[in-house]
């Protein structure tokens, strides 16, 4: 096998690793905030020769129908957090590998749609006043998401590794992995129990 082909294969594998971590970030943050993740998958888009991922979780529908302003704020905040969590997970992984906080542009570019969704939610539901206050609140939220993912980094890693190997995980797969293979099995058992209660309400 020639060097260009080997380099291409390594680059593709690295992209699969980063995409697995990105989707695992979305998945773990959603589950931490009691959003059911129905499935998560990664795949190669052969048309544009890029690796993509999709996390199907239960979005909070009909937010306009929620009258309690505090509940609405928390639900929208969680939606924004899920959007940011993918890129933040990739940044944590890149720093763990390289020791550098300077994330390469190609990693940030892959989250442009997530960032756009987060901006639209910020604006639509006015999470913070535009300008300095919104920028400050966004930084604060990103720090909180970063801390949550670092606290549960073993869960992110376990989901990422399984996703890299299998390419697709169902809700039951996630439950099996997190309640049996993480350091904090007790926490995840309780989390899935709470998720079941939420679904019945």
Foldseek 3Di string as FASTA:
>chain_A
DDPVVVVVVVVQLVQLLLQLLLQLQLVVLCLVVLWQFFKKFWDAPVVVGHIHIDTDTDQDPPLVPDDPLVVSLVSLLSLLLSLLRSLLSSQVVVCVVPVDSDDDPVSVVNSPVSVVVSVVSCVVSVNDDPDPGVVVVVVVSSVVSNVVCVVQVQLSVQSSVVCSVPRMDGSVRSLCCQLPPGPCNVVSVVSVVVSVVVVVD
